Amino acid sequence: MEHRKILLGMADDHKIFRDGLRAALKEKDFLQVAWEVEDGNDLMHKLLVKMPDVLLMDARIPNADGIYAIARIRKEYPDIRIIILTMDDDPQLVHRMMEMGANAFLTKMADPDEIIQAILTCVEDDFYFNDLVNQAVLLKLQRKRKTPRLSVNAVRFTDKELRILQLIADDKTTEEIAEAVFLSPRTIETIRQQMKIKAGVKTIAGLVMYATRHKILE
């Protein structure tokens, strides 16, 4: 399958990691590393000079707070896909980074093939959800049991849909959800599909991320 050329930017202060990642990415002729930077000041300058399709960024680089940097980049360059590559897999950090606008979060132990897959998925579908992100989002939702509060731009779900969405966030299986709400598993699958269409997402992970971003379940 042919892919269009994807321009990459790299922001990481560990040269050995950058060298290894660049070598792995070089094997795919549709991936082109446009530039590399080691700190936040150079990062913002490079974005002005040459905007990449995808930014591969460490969560912590000199002269930049990762969360603040994501928020700023997302505001000034909304079309850039931001993939976090870091050593820290703390669920709170993962969730916060995704909440602020990252499109994917991987550790530096990730296989090069997964990093490449994350790049392609983010370019094509906006987000790449791996187990790390899914678990962080579910953990965040499971810790909160307040009355649902819809953000202004969120779609409206029915009470039954909200109940099912909560059970999805609790990591319940289709059969467990069906038993809890007294419906058949086939009906649950249909409702889940309708909810994804409402939210404009393609996966259950995307639905959960939509819910947490819009404070549908908090």
N, C-alpha and C. Protein backbone atom coordinates (compact mmCIF):
# COMPACT_ATOMS: atom_id res chain seq x y z
N MET A 1 0.85 -1.20 0.00
CA MET A 1 0.00 0.00 0.00
C MET A 1 0.88 1.24 0.00
N GLU A 2 0.59 2.16 -0.92
CA GLU A 2 1.38 3.38 -1.00
C GLU A 2 0.85 4.43 -0.03
N HIS A 3 1.78 5.20 0.54
CA HIS A 3 1.42 6.27 1.47
C HIS A 3 1.98 7.58 0.94
N ARG A 4 1.27 8.66 1.20
CA ARG A 4 1.80 9.96 0.84
C ARG A 4 2.96 10.31 1.75
N LYS A 5 3.80 11.21 1.32
CA LYS A 5 4.95 11.62 2.12
C LYS A 5 4.49 12.29 3.42
N ILE A 6 5.03 11.85 4.54
CA ILE A 6 4.69 12.40 5.85
C ILE A 6 5.92 13.07 6.42
N LEU A 7 5.80 14.36 6.70
CA LEU A 7 6.91 15.14 7.22
C LEU A 7 6.91 15.07 8.75
N LEU A 8 8.09 14.77 9.32
CA LEU A 8 8.20 14.58 10.77
C LEU A 8 9.11 15.61 11.41
N GLY A 9 8.78 16.01 12.62
CA GLY A 9 9.66 16.79 13.47
C GLY A 9 9.96 15.99 14.71
N MET A 10 11.19 16.10 15.26
CA MET A 10 11.57 15.36 16.46
C MET A 10 12.06 16.33 17.53
N ALA A 11 11.50 16.20 18.72
CA ALA A 11 11.92 17.04 19.85
C ALA A 11 12.29 16.14 21.01
N ASP A 12 13.59 15.98 21.21
CA ASP A 12 14.09 15.09 22.26
C ASP A 12 15.53 15.46 22.55
N ASP A 13 15.90 15.53 23.83
CA ASP A 13 17.26 15.94 24.17
C ASP A 13 18.22 14.76 24.30
N HIS A 14 17.78 13.56 23.95
CA HIS A 14 18.65 12.39 23.99
C HIS A 14 19.06 12.02 22.57
N LYS A 15 20.29 12.36 22.20
CA LYS A 15 20.76 12.18 20.82
C LYS A 15 20.77 10.70 20.42
N ILE A 16 21.13 9.83 21.35
CA ILE A 16 21.20 8.40 21.03
C ILE A 16 19.82 7.89 20.62
N PHE A 17 18.79 8.33 21.36
CA PHE A 17 17.43 7.92 21.01
C PHE A 17 17.03 8.48 19.66
N ARG A 18 17.34 9.76 19.43
CA ARG A 18 16.98 10.37 18.14
C ARG A 18 17.66 9.64 16.98
N ASP A 19 18.92 9.31 17.17
CA ASP A 19 19.67 8.63 16.10
C ASP A 19 19.05 7.27 15.78
N GLY A 20 18.69 6.54 16.84
CA GLY A 20 18.09 5.22 16.64
C GLY A 20 16.72 5.30 15.99
N LEU A 21 15.93 6.27 16.43
CA LEU A 21 14.59 6.43 15.86
C LEU A 21 14.67 6.88 14.40
N ARG A 22 15.58 7.82 14.12
CA ARG A 22 15.73 8.30 12.75
C ARG A 22 16.13 7.15 11.82
N ALA A 23 17.03 6.30 12.29
CA ALA A 23 17.46 5.16 11.48
C ALA A 23 16.30 4.21 11.18
N ALA A 24 15.44 4.00 12.20
CA ALA A 24 14.28 3.12 12.01
C ALA A 24 13.28 3.72 11.04
N LEU A 25 13.05 5.01 11.17
CA LEU A 25 12.07 5.68 10.31
C LEU A 25 12.56 5.79 8.86
N LYS A 26 13.88 5.83 8.71
CA LYS A 26 14.47 6.00 7.38
C LYS A 26 14.16 4.82 6.47
N GLU A 27 13.81 3.68 7.07
CA GLU A 27 13.51 2.49 6.28
C GLU A 27 12.20 2.63 5.50
N LYS A 28 11.38 3.59 5.91
CA LYS A 28 10.11 3.84 5.21
C LYS A 28 10.27 5.10 4.37
N ASP A 29 10.23 4.94 3.05
CA ASP A 29 10.51 6.08 2.19
C ASP A 29 9.42 7.15 2.22
N PHE A 30 8.26 6.84 2.79
CA PHE A 30 7.20 7.84 2.87
C PHE A 30 7.32 8.69 4.14
N LEU A 31 8.29 8.37 5.00
CA LEU A 31 8.53 9.15 6.21
C LEU A 31 9.80 9.98 6.03
N GLN A 32 9.71 11.26 6.30
CA GLN A 32 10.86 12.15 6.15
C GLN A 32 11.02 13.00 7.40
N VAL A 33 12.16 12.88 8.06
CA VAL A 33 12.45 13.71 9.23
C VAL A 33 12.94 15.07 8.74
N ALA A 34 12.12 16.10 8.94
CA ALA A 34 12.45 17.44 8.46
C ALA A 34 13.47 18.12 9.35
N TRP A 35 13.34 17.91 10.68
CA TRP A 35 14.27 18.55 11.61
C TRP A 35 14.23 17.86 12.97
N GLU A 36 15.28 18.14 13.76
CA GLU A 36 15.38 17.64 15.13
C GLU A 36 15.76 18.80 16.04
N VAL A 37 15.21 18.83 17.24
CA VAL A 37 15.57 19.85 18.22
C VAL A 37 15.77 19.19 19.57
N GLU A 38 16.49 19.91 20.46
CA GLU A 38 16.80 19.36 21.78
C GLU A 38 16.10 20.11 22.91
N ASP A 39 15.50 21.26 22.63
CA ASP A 39 14.82 21.99 23.71
C ASP A 39 13.60 22.72 23.18
N GLY A 40 12.82 23.26 24.13
CA GLY A 40 11.56 23.89 23.79
C GLY A 40 11.70 25.15 22.97
N ASN A 41 12.73 25.95 23.22
CA ASN A 41 12.92 27.18 22.44
C ASN A 41 13.14 26.88 20.97
N ASP A 42 14.04 25.93 20.70
CA ASP A 42 14.29 25.54 19.31
C ASP A 42 13.05 24.92 18.67
N LEU A 43 12.27 24.20 19.47
CA LEU A 43 11.06 23.57 18.96
C LEU A 43 10.10 24.61 18.40
N MET A 44 9.81 25.64 19.16
CA MET A 44 8.86 26.65 18.71
C MET A 44 9.40 27.41 17.49
N HIS A 45 10.73 27.60 17.45
CA HIS A 45 11.33 28.27 16.28
C HIS A 45 11.19 27.41 15.03
N LYS A 46 11.47 26.11 15.17
CA LYS A 46 11.40 25.21 14.01
C LYS A 46 9.98 25.11 13.48
N LEU A 47 9.00 25.15 14.37
CA LEU A 47 7.61 25.07 13.93
C LEU A 47 7.24 26.27 13.07
N LEU A 48 7.85 27.42 13.38
CA LEU A 48 7.62 28.61 12.56
C LEU A 48 8.26 28.47 11.18
N VAL A 49 9.41 27.82 11.14
CA VAL A 49 10.16 27.70 9.89
C VAL A 49 9.60 26.60 8.99
N LYS A 50 9.33 25.44 9.58
CA LYS A 50 8.85 24.30 8.80
C LYS A 50 7.88 23.48 9.65
N MET A 51 6.60 23.52 9.32
CA MET A 51 5.60 22.79 10.10
C MET A 51 5.50 21.36 9.62
N PRO A 52 5.71 20.39 10.49
CA PRO A 52 5.62 18.99 10.08
C PRO A 52 4.18 18.49 10.14
N ASP A 53 3.95 17.33 9.55
CA ASP A 53 2.65 16.68 9.69
C ASP A 53 2.52 16.06 11.08
N VAL A 54 3.64 15.50 11.56
CA VAL A 54 3.64 14.81 12.84
C VAL A 54 4.84 15.25 13.66
N LEU A 55 4.61 15.56 14.93
CA LEU A 55 5.68 15.92 15.85
C LEU A 55 5.88 14.78 16.84
N LEU A 56 7.08 14.22 16.87
CA LEU A 56 7.45 13.18 17.83
C LEU A 56 8.18 13.89 18.97
N MET A 57 7.58 13.92 20.16
CA MET A 57 8.08 14.76 21.23
C MET A 57 8.19 14.03 22.56
N ASP A 58 9.30 14.25 23.24
CA ASP A 58 9.45 13.72 24.59
C ASP A 58 8.54 14.53 25.51
N ALA A 59 8.05 13.90 26.56
CA ALA A 59 7.17 14.61 27.50
C ALA A 59 7.92 15.68 28.28
N ARG A 60 9.22 15.51 28.39
CA ARG A 60 10.03 16.47 29.14
C ARG A 60 11.31 16.78 28.35
N ILE A 61 11.39 18.02 27.87
CA ILE A 61 12.61 18.48 27.22
C ILE A 61 13.01 19.81 27.86
N PRO A 62 14.30 20.17 27.81
CA PRO A 62 14.74 21.44 28.41
C PRO A 62 13.97 22.64 27.87
N ASN A 63 13.73 23.59 28.75
CA ASN A 63 13.06 24.85 28.39
C ASN A 63 11.63 24.66 27.88
N ALA A 64 11.00 23.61 28.32
CA ALA A 64 9.60 23.40 27.92
C ALA A 64 8.93 22.41 28.87
N ASP A 65 7.80 22.81 29.41
CA ASP A 65 6.95 21.89 30.14
C ASP A 65 6.08 21.17 29.10
N GLY A 66 6.12 19.85 29.14
CA GLY A 66 5.45 19.08 28.11
C GLY A 66 3.97 19.41 27.95
N ILE A 67 3.26 19.52 29.06
CA ILE A 67 1.83 19.80 29.01
C ILE A 67 1.57 21.19 28.44
N TYR A 68 2.35 22.18 28.89
CA TYR A 68 2.19 23.54 28.38
C TYR A 68 2.53 23.59 26.89
N ALA A 69 3.59 22.87 26.51
CA ALA A 69 4.01 22.86 25.10
C ALA A 69 2.92 22.29 24.21
N ILE A 70 2.28 21.20 24.65
CA ILE A 70 1.21 20.60 23.86
C ILE A 70 0.06 21.59 23.71
N ALA A 71 -0.32 22.23 24.82
CA ALA A 71 -1.43 23.19 24.77
C ALA A 71 -1.13 24.33 23.81
N ARG A 72 0.11 24.81 23.83
CA ARG A 72 0.48 25.92 22.95
C ARG A 72 0.51 25.48 21.50
N ILE A 73 1.11 24.33 21.23
CA ILE A 73 1.18 23.83 19.86
C ILE A 73 -0.21 23.55 19.32
N ARG A 74 -1.05 22.94 20.15
CA ARG A 74 -2.41 22.64 19.70
C ARG A 74 -3.18 23.91 19.35
N LYS A 75 -2.92 24.98 20.09
CA LYS A 75 -3.60 26.26 19.84
C LYS A 75 -3.07 26.94 18.58
N GLU A 76 -1.74 26.95 18.42
CA GLU A 76 -1.14 27.68 17.31
C GLU A 76 -1.03 26.86 16.03
N TYR A 77 -0.94 25.53 16.17
CA TYR A 77 -0.80 24.66 15.00
C TYR A 77 -1.77 23.47 15.14
N PRO A 78 -3.06 23.72 15.01
CA PRO A 78 -4.07 22.68 15.29
C PRO A 78 -3.99 21.45 14.39
N ASP A 79 -3.35 21.57 13.23
CA ASP A 79 -3.32 20.44 12.30
C ASP A 79 -2.17 19.46 12.55
N ILE A 80 -1.22 19.85 13.38
CA ILE A 80 -0.10 18.95 13.66
C ILE A 80 -0.56 17.79 14.54
N ARG A 81 -0.14 16.58 14.17
CA ARG A 81 -0.38 15.42 15.03
C ARG A 81 0.79 15.31 16.01
N ILE A 82 0.49 15.22 17.29
CA ILE A 82 1.53 15.18 18.31
C ILE A 82 1.59 13.79 18.93
N ILE A 83 2.73 13.15 18.79
CA ILE A 83 2.94 11.82 19.38
C ILE A 83 3.99 11.95 20.48
N ILE A 84 3.60 11.61 21.70
CA ILE A 84 4.52 11.66 22.83
C ILE A 84 5.31 10.36 22.89
N LEU A 85 6.63 10.49 22.96
CA LEU A 85 7.54 9.35 23.12
C LEU A 85 8.40 9.64 24.33
N THR A 86 8.19 8.90 25.41
CA THR A 86 8.87 9.22 26.66
C THR A 86 9.12 7.96 27.46
N MET A 87 9.91 8.10 28.53
CA MET A 87 10.19 6.95 29.40
C MET A 87 9.13 6.79 30.48
N ASP A 88 8.37 7.83 30.75
CA ASP A 88 7.40 7.85 31.85
C ASP A 88 6.06 7.30 31.39
N ASP A 89 5.59 6.25 32.04
CA ASP A 89 4.29 5.68 31.66
C ASP A 89 3.25 5.88 32.76
N ASP A 90 3.43 6.91 33.59
CA ASP A 90 2.48 7.19 34.66
C ASP A 90 1.10 7.48 34.06
N PRO A 91 0.06 6.78 34.50
CA PRO A 91 -1.28 6.97 33.92
C PRO A 91 -1.79 8.41 33.99
N GLN A 92 -1.46 9.12 35.06
CA GLN A 92 -1.91 10.50 35.18
C GLN A 92 -1.27 11.38 34.10
N LEU A 93 0.02 11.13 33.82
CA LEU A 93 0.71 11.88 32.78
C LEU A 93 0.11 11.54 31.41
N VAL A 94 -0.12 10.26 31.19
CA VAL A 94 -0.69 9.81 29.91
C VAL A 94 -2.03 10.50 29.68
N HIS A 95 -2.90 10.44 30.67
CA HIS A 95 -4.23 11.03 30.52
C HIS A 95 -4.15 12.54 30.32
N ARG A 96 -3.29 13.20 31.09
CA ARG A 96 -3.19 14.65 30.99
C ARG A 96 -2.69 15.09 29.62
N MET A 97 -1.68 14.36 29.11
CA MET A 97 -1.14 14.68 27.79
C MET A 97 -2.20 14.51 26.70
N MET A 98 -2.95 13.42 26.78
CA MET A 98 -4.00 13.18 25.79
C MET A 98 -5.11 14.22 25.93
N GLU A 99 -5.43 14.56 27.15
CA GLU A 99 -6.47 15.55 27.40
C GLU A 99 -6.09 16.92 26.84
N MET A 100 -4.81 17.26 26.90
CA MET A 100 -4.35 18.57 26.43
C MET A 100 -4.20 18.63 24.91
N GLY A 101 -4.24 17.47 24.26
CA GLY A 101 -4.21 17.51 22.81
C GLY A 101 -3.24 16.58 22.10
N ALA A 102 -2.54 15.72 22.84
CA ALA A 102 -1.68 14.74 22.17
C ALA A 102 -2.54 13.77 21.39
N ASN A 103 -2.02 13.27 20.28
CA ASN A 103 -2.76 12.32 19.45
C ASN A 103 -2.39 10.87 19.76
N ALA A 104 -1.26 10.69 20.42
CA ALA A 104 -0.83 9.35 20.80
C ALA A 104 0.21 9.47 21.91
N PHE A 105 0.35 8.41 22.69
CA PHE A 105 1.33 8.39 23.78
C PHE A 105 1.97 7.00 23.79
N LEU A 106 3.29 6.96 23.58
CA LEU A 106 4.03 5.70 23.62
C LEU A 106 5.26 5.88 24.49
N THR A 107 5.76 4.78 25.03
CA THR A 107 7.03 4.85 25.75
C THR A 107 8.17 4.63 24.75
N LYS A 108 9.36 4.99 25.18
CA LYS A 108 10.52 4.82 24.31
C LYS A 108 10.92 3.36 24.13
N MET A 109 10.25 2.48 24.88
CA MET A 109 10.48 1.04 24.71
C MET A 109 9.62 0.47 23.59
N ALA A 110 8.77 1.29 23.00
CA ALA A 110 7.88 0.82 21.94
C ALA A 110 8.68 0.34 20.73
N ASP A 111 8.18 -0.70 20.09
CA ASP A 111 8.82 -1.22 18.89
C ASP A 111 8.71 -0.19 17.76
N PRO A 112 9.76 -0.05 16.94
CA PRO A 112 9.69 0.90 15.82
C PRO A 112 8.46 0.71 14.94
N ASP A 113 8.05 -0.54 14.76
CA ASP A 113 6.87 -0.81 13.94
C ASP A 113 5.62 -0.17 14.56
N GLU A 114 5.54 -0.19 15.90
CA GLU A 114 4.39 0.42 16.55
C GLU A 114 4.43 1.94 16.40
N ILE A 115 5.63 2.52 16.49
CA ILE A 115 5.76 3.96 16.32
C ILE A 115 5.32 4.37 14.91
N ILE A 116 5.74 3.59 13.92
CA ILE A 116 5.34 3.87 12.54
C ILE A 116 3.83 3.72 12.38
N GLN A 117 3.27 2.68 13.02
CA GLN A 117 1.82 2.48 12.95
C GLN A 117 1.09 3.63 13.62
N ALA A 118 1.64 4.14 14.72
CA ALA A 118 1.02 5.28 15.41
C ALA A 118 1.03 6.52 14.51
N ILE A 119 2.13 6.73 13.81
CA ILE A 119 2.23 7.87 12.88
C ILE A 119 1.15 7.77 11.82
N LEU A 120 1.05 6.62 11.18
CA LEU A 120 0.07 6.43 10.11
C LEU A 120 -1.36 6.58 10.62
N THR A 121 -1.63 6.01 11.79
CA THR A 121 -2.98 6.06 12.35
C THR A 121 -3.37 7.48 12.73
N CYS A 122 -2.43 8.22 13.31
CA CYS A 122 -2.72 9.61 13.69
C CYS A 122 -2.97 10.48 12.47
N VAL A 123 -2.21 10.24 11.40
CA VAL A 123 -2.41 11.02 10.17
C VAL A 123 -3.77 10.71 9.55
N GLU A 124 -4.15 9.44 9.60
CA GLU A 124 -5.38 9.03 8.92
C GLU A 124 -6.62 9.20 9.80
N ASP A 125 -6.50 8.90 11.11
CA ASP A 125 -7.67 8.86 11.99
C ASP A 125 -7.56 9.75 13.23
N ASP A 126 -6.57 10.62 13.25
CA ASP A 126 -6.37 11.59 14.35
C ASP A 126 -5.71 10.99 15.60
N PHE A 127 -6.21 9.86 16.10
CA PHE A 127 -5.70 9.32 17.34
C PHE A 127 -5.22 7.88 17.19
N TYR A 128 -4.19 7.55 17.99
CA TYR A 128 -3.74 6.16 18.07
C TYR A 128 -3.91 5.73 19.52
N PHE A 129 -4.78 4.75 19.75
CA PHE A 129 -5.05 4.27 21.09
C PHE A 129 -4.36 2.92 21.31
N ASN A 130 -3.42 2.90 22.24
CA ASN A 130 -2.80 1.64 22.63
C ASN A 130 -3.25 1.29 24.04
N ASP A 131 -2.77 0.19 24.58
CA ASP A 131 -3.18 -0.24 25.91
C ASP A 131 -2.85 0.81 26.97
N LEU A 132 -1.72 1.49 26.80
CA LEU A 132 -1.29 2.50 27.76
C LEU A 132 -2.32 3.62 27.87
N VAL A 133 -2.77 4.11 26.73
CA VAL A 133 -3.76 5.19 26.72
C VAL A 133 -5.12 4.69 27.20
N ASN A 134 -5.54 3.54 26.72
CA ASN A 134 -6.83 3.00 27.13
C ASN A 134 -6.92 2.82 28.64
N GLN A 135 -5.89 2.25 29.24
CA GLN A 135 -5.89 2.02 30.68
C GLN A 135 -5.88 3.32 31.45
N ALA A 136 -5.14 4.32 30.96
CA ALA A 136 -5.08 5.61 31.65
C ALA A 136 -6.44 6.30 31.63
N VAL A 137 -7.12 6.25 30.50
CA VAL A 137 -8.44 6.88 30.38
C VAL A 137 -9.45 6.17 31.26
N LEU A 138 -9.44 4.84 31.23
CA LEU A 138 -10.38 4.09 32.05
C LEU A 138 -10.13 4.32 33.53
N LEU A 139 -8.86 4.36 33.93
CA LEU A 139 -8.52 4.59 35.34
C LEU A 139 -9.03 5.94 35.80
N LYS A 140 -8.87 6.94 34.94
CA LYS A 140 -9.33 8.29 35.28
C LYS A 140 -10.84 8.31 35.49
N LEU A 141 -11.56 7.66 34.60
CA LEU A 141 -13.01 7.65 34.70
C LEU A 141 -13.49 6.85 35.91
N GLN A 142 -12.80 5.77 36.21
CA GLN A 142 -13.20 4.92 37.33
C GLN A 142 -13.00 5.62 38.67
N ARG A 143 -12.10 6.60 38.71
CA ARG A 143 -11.85 7.32 39.96
C ARG A 143 -12.88 8.40 40.24
N LYS A 144 -13.70 8.71 39.21
CA LYS A 144 -14.66 9.80 39.37
C LYS A 144 -16.09 9.25 39.27
N ARG A 145 -16.89 9.65 40.20
CA ARG A 145 -18.28 9.21 40.20
C ARG A 145 -19.21 10.37 40.52
N LYS A 146 -19.06 11.46 39.79
CA LYS A 146 -19.90 12.63 39.99
C LYS A 146 -21.04 12.60 38.99
N THR A 147 -21.99 13.50 39.14
CA THR A 147 -23.09 13.62 38.20
C THR A 147 -22.54 14.05 36.85
N PRO A 148 -22.94 13.39 35.77
CA PRO A 148 -22.44 13.77 34.44
C PRO A 148 -22.71 15.23 34.13
N ARG A 149 -21.69 15.91 33.55
CA ARG A 149 -21.82 17.31 33.15
C ARG A 149 -21.38 17.44 31.70
N LEU A 150 -22.33 17.75 30.84
CA LEU A 150 -22.00 17.87 29.43
C LEU A 150 -21.32 19.20 29.13
N SER A 151 -20.26 19.15 28.34
CA SER A 151 -19.67 20.40 27.86
C SER A 151 -20.60 20.96 26.78
N VAL A 152 -20.40 22.21 26.44
CA VAL A 152 -21.30 22.89 25.51
C VAL A 152 -21.38 22.19 24.17
N ASN A 153 -20.23 21.69 23.70
CA ASN A 153 -20.17 21.13 22.35
C ASN A 153 -20.43 19.63 22.28
N ALA A 154 -20.72 19.01 23.42
CA ALA A 154 -20.90 17.57 23.43
C ALA A 154 -22.27 17.18 22.88
N VAL A 155 -22.32 16.00 22.25
CA VAL A 155 -23.61 15.50 21.80
C VAL A 155 -24.40 15.02 23.00
N ARG A 156 -25.70 14.87 22.83
CA ARG A 156 -26.57 14.44 23.93
C ARG A 156 -26.82 12.94 23.83
N PHE A 157 -26.51 12.24 24.89
CA PHE A 157 -26.80 10.81 24.96
C PHE A 157 -28.04 10.60 25.83
N THR A 158 -28.79 9.55 25.53
CA THR A 158 -29.94 9.21 26.35
C THR A 158 -29.46 8.65 27.69
N ASP A 159 -30.37 8.54 28.65
CA ASP A 159 -30.01 7.98 29.95
C ASP A 159 -29.48 6.56 29.80
N LYS A 160 -30.11 5.79 28.93
CA LYS A 160 -29.65 4.41 28.73
C LYS A 160 -28.25 4.39 28.10
N GLU A 161 -28.03 5.28 27.13
CA GLU A 161 -26.70 5.36 26.51
C GLU A 161 -25.65 5.77 27.53
N LEU A 162 -25.99 6.71 28.41
CA LEU A 162 -25.05 7.13 29.45
C LEU A 162 -24.73 5.98 30.39
N ARG A 163 -25.73 5.19 30.71
CA ARG A 163 -25.52 4.03 31.59
C ARG A 163 -24.59 3.03 30.92
N ILE A 164 -24.82 2.78 29.64
CA ILE A 164 -23.96 1.86 28.90
C ILE A 164 -22.55 2.42 28.76
N LEU A 165 -22.46 3.73 28.52
CA LEU A 165 -21.14 4.37 28.40
C LEU A 165 -20.36 4.24 29.70
N GLN A 166 -21.06 4.40 30.83
CA GLN A 166 -20.40 4.24 32.12
C GLN A 166 -19.88 2.82 32.31
N LEU A 167 -20.67 1.85 31.89
CA LEU A 167 -20.25 0.45 32.02
C LEU A 167 -19.07 0.15 31.09
N ILE A 168 -19.06 0.78 29.91
CA ILE A 168 -17.90 0.63 29.01
C ILE A 168 -16.66 1.19 29.70
N ALA A 169 -16.82 2.36 30.33
CA ALA A 169 -15.69 2.99 31.03
C ALA A 169 -15.21 2.13 32.19
N ASP A 170 -16.12 1.33 32.75
CA ASP A 170 -15.76 0.42 33.84
C ASP A 170 -15.15 -0.88 33.33
N ASP A 171 -14.90 -0.92 32.01
CA ASP A 171 -14.25 -2.07 31.37
C ASP A 171 -15.10 -3.33 31.41
N LYS A 172 -16.42 -3.18 31.35
CA LYS A 172 -17.32 -4.33 31.33
C LYS A 172 -17.41 -4.91 29.92
N THR A 173 -17.61 -6.21 29.84
CA THR A 173 -17.77 -6.85 28.54
C THR A 173 -19.18 -6.60 28.02
N THR A 174 -19.39 -6.92 26.74
CA THR A 174 -20.71 -6.75 26.15
C THR A 174 -21.75 -7.57 26.90
N GLU A 175 -21.39 -8.79 27.26
CA GLU A 175 -22.32 -9.67 27.98
C GLU A 175 -22.64 -9.10 29.36
N GLU A 176 -21.64 -8.56 30.05
CA GLU A 176 -21.87 -7.98 31.38
C GLU A 176 -22.75 -6.74 31.29
N ILE A 177 -22.53 -5.93 30.26
CA ILE A 177 -23.36 -4.73 30.07
C ILE A 177 -24.80 -5.13 29.78
N ALA A 178 -24.96 -6.13 28.90
CA ALA A 178 -26.30 -6.59 28.55
C ALA A 178 -27.07 -7.06 29.78
N GLU A 179 -26.39 -7.79 30.63
CA GLU A 179 -27.03 -8.30 31.85
C GLU A 179 -27.39 -7.15 32.79
N ALA A 180 -26.54 -6.14 32.86
CA ALA A 180 -26.75 -5.03 33.80
C ALA A 180 -27.93 -4.15 33.39
N VAL A 181 -28.17 -4.01 32.09
CA VAL A 181 -29.24 -3.11 31.63
C VAL A 181 -30.42 -3.88 31.02
N PHE A 182 -30.40 -5.21 31.17
CA PHE A 182 -31.52 -6.06 30.75
C PHE A 182 -31.82 -5.96 29.25
N LEU A 183 -30.75 -6.02 28.47
CA LEU A 183 -30.88 -6.03 27.02
C LEU A 183 -30.04 -7.18 26.47
N SER A 184 -30.25 -7.51 25.20
CA SER A 184 -29.45 -8.57 24.59
C SER A 184 -28.09 -8.02 24.18
N PRO A 185 -27.07 -8.89 24.11
CA PRO A 185 -25.75 -8.45 23.65
C PRO A 185 -25.81 -7.81 22.26
N ARG A 186 -26.68 -8.32 21.38
CA ARG A 186 -26.80 -7.76 20.03
C ARG A 186 -27.32 -6.32 20.11
N THR A 187 -28.27 -6.08 21.01
CA THR A 187 -28.81 -4.72 21.17
C THR A 187 -27.73 -3.79 21.72
N ILE A 188 -26.91 -4.29 22.63
CA ILE A 188 -25.82 -3.48 23.18
C ILE A 188 -24.84 -3.08 22.09
N GLU A 189 -24.52 -4.02 21.21
CA GLU A 189 -23.62 -3.72 20.10
C GLU A 189 -24.22 -2.65 19.20
N THR A 190 -25.52 -2.73 18.96
CA THR A 190 -26.19 -1.73 18.12
C THR A 190 -26.13 -0.35 18.77
N ILE A 191 -26.40 -0.30 20.06
CA ILE A 191 -26.38 0.98 20.78
C ILE A 191 -24.96 1.56 20.79
N ARG A 192 -23.97 0.71 20.99
CA ARG A 192 -22.59 1.19 20.97
C ARG A 192 -22.23 1.79 19.62
N GLN A 193 -22.69 1.15 18.54
CA GLN A 193 -22.43 1.67 17.21
C GLN A 193 -23.12 3.01 17.01
N GLN A 194 -24.34 3.14 17.49
CA GLN A 194 -25.07 4.40 17.38
C GLN A 194 -24.37 5.51 18.16
N MET A 195 -23.81 5.17 19.31
CA MET A 195 -23.11 6.15 20.13
C MET A 195 -21.84 6.63 19.43
N LYS A 196 -21.14 5.72 18.77
CA LYS A 196 -19.93 6.10 18.04
C LYS A 196 -20.27 7.04 16.89
N ILE A 197 -21.38 6.75 16.21
CA ILE A 197 -21.81 7.62 15.11
C ILE A 197 -22.16 9.00 15.64
N LYS A 198 -22.88 9.06 16.77
CA LYS A 198 -23.23 10.33 17.39
C LYS A 198 -22.00 11.17 17.71
N ALA A 199 -21.00 10.50 18.29
CA ALA A 199 -19.79 11.20 18.73
C ALA A 199 -18.81 11.45 17.59
N GLY A 200 -19.04 10.80 16.44
CA GLY A 200 -18.14 10.99 15.31
C GLY A 200 -16.81 10.29 15.49
N VAL A 201 -16.81 9.14 16.18
CA VAL A 201 -15.58 8.38 16.40
C VAL A 201 -15.72 7.00 15.78
N LYS A 202 -14.59 6.30 15.66
CA LYS A 202 -14.60 5.02 14.97
C LYS A 202 -14.41 3.83 15.90
N THR A 203 -13.91 4.05 17.10
CA THR A 203 -13.61 2.95 18.00
C THR A 203 -14.21 3.20 19.38
N ILE A 204 -14.28 2.13 20.18
CA ILE A 204 -14.76 2.27 21.55
C ILE A 204 -13.79 3.12 22.37
N ALA A 205 -12.49 2.96 22.12
CA ALA A 205 -11.51 3.80 22.81
C ALA A 205 -11.73 5.26 22.47
N GLY A 206 -12.05 5.53 21.20
CA GLY A 206 -12.34 6.89 20.79
C GLY A 206 -13.58 7.43 21.48
N LEU A 207 -14.58 6.57 21.69
CA LEU A 207 -15.80 6.98 22.38
C LEU A 207 -15.51 7.35 23.83
N VAL A 208 -14.69 6.55 24.49
CA VAL A 208 -14.33 6.84 25.88
C VAL A 208 -13.53 8.13 25.97
N MET A 209 -12.60 8.33 25.02
CA MET A 209 -11.82 9.56 25.01
C MET A 209 -12.73 10.77 24.76
N TYR A 210 -13.70 10.61 23.89
CA TYR A 210 -14.67 11.69 23.63
C TYR A 210 -15.42 12.02 24.92
N ALA A 211 -15.83 11.00 25.64
CA ALA A 211 -16.59 11.20 26.87
C ALA A 211 -15.79 11.94 27.92
N THR A 212 -14.52 11.59 28.05
CA THR A 212 -13.72 12.26 29.08
C THR A 212 -13.34 13.68 28.68
N ARG A 213 -13.14 13.90 27.38
CA ARG A 213 -12.80 15.26 26.93
C ARG A 213 -13.96 16.23 27.11
N HIS A 214 -15.17 15.72 26.89
CA HIS A 214 -16.35 16.58 27.00
C HIS A 214 -17.03 16.47 28.37
N LYS A 215 -16.36 15.82 29.30
CA LYS A 215 -16.86 15.70 30.69
C LYS A 215 -18.25 15.09 30.75
N ILE A 216 -18.50 14.13 29.85
CA ILE A 216 -19.77 13.44 29.86
C ILE A 216 -19.83 12.49 31.07
N LEU A 217 -18.67 11.90 31.38
CA LEU A 217 -18.58 11.03 32.56
C LEU A 217 -17.51 11.58 33.46
N GLU A 218 -17.91 12.20 34.57
CA GLU A 218 -16.92 12.69 35.54
C GLU A 218 -17.48 12.54 36.93
